[in-house]
Amino acid sequence: MSKRDVRILESAVKMELDGRRFYLQAAKTAKNAIAKKLLVSLADQELTHIERIKEISEGLKNEQDWGDFEGVINRQAKKKLALVFRKLTASEMKKLKADPSNIKAIDIAMKKETKSYDYYDKQSKETGIRIAKVFYNSLKKEEERHYELLEEALTLLSDSVSWFVKTEGRVMEG
């Protein structure tokens, strides 16, 4: 067992727990249904990360090797994060209003995702263990996807017309 690896994974669990708590709290106070749905979805994804990280960390503490976790590392989240905004009708789009608290929460969330991405990127570059590198890179990609969803939500909530044109290729009538 590498004590360094266990410390890295324990730090990752704390970071993911912090993200989950933030998303759940932000979802409680979100005034916009889209923001609320996205934040809850992201909180669920953080829980998936926590479970995978803990499984590996506990195994390493019990003298297992990184190679024993290839299945865990390659297991993708069964529930994919989907763009929760795609099914909005034109009339629903017109009702969207940017709420400063939603925008602030999304901005903070984007910073948290960037911090997580940077952490996993650093660990990926520093490890000499191939399968650990694969694991950190998979977490990094998931954090990148979270960031993209948050970025899209920010555009939707702050400039719904531009978002609609970008995603649907046409301008709303009405």
Foldseek 3Di string as FASTA:
>chain_A
DDPVLLVLLVVLLVLLVVLLVLLCVLLVPDPDPLLNVLSNVSSVVSVLVNVLSVVVSVCVVVVDDLVVCLVSLPDDPPDDDDLPPVPDDLVRLVPAAADVSSLVSLVVSLVSLVVLLVSLVVVLVPDPDVSSVSSSVVSNVVSVVSNVSSVLVNCSRHPVQVSCCVPVVDGRDD
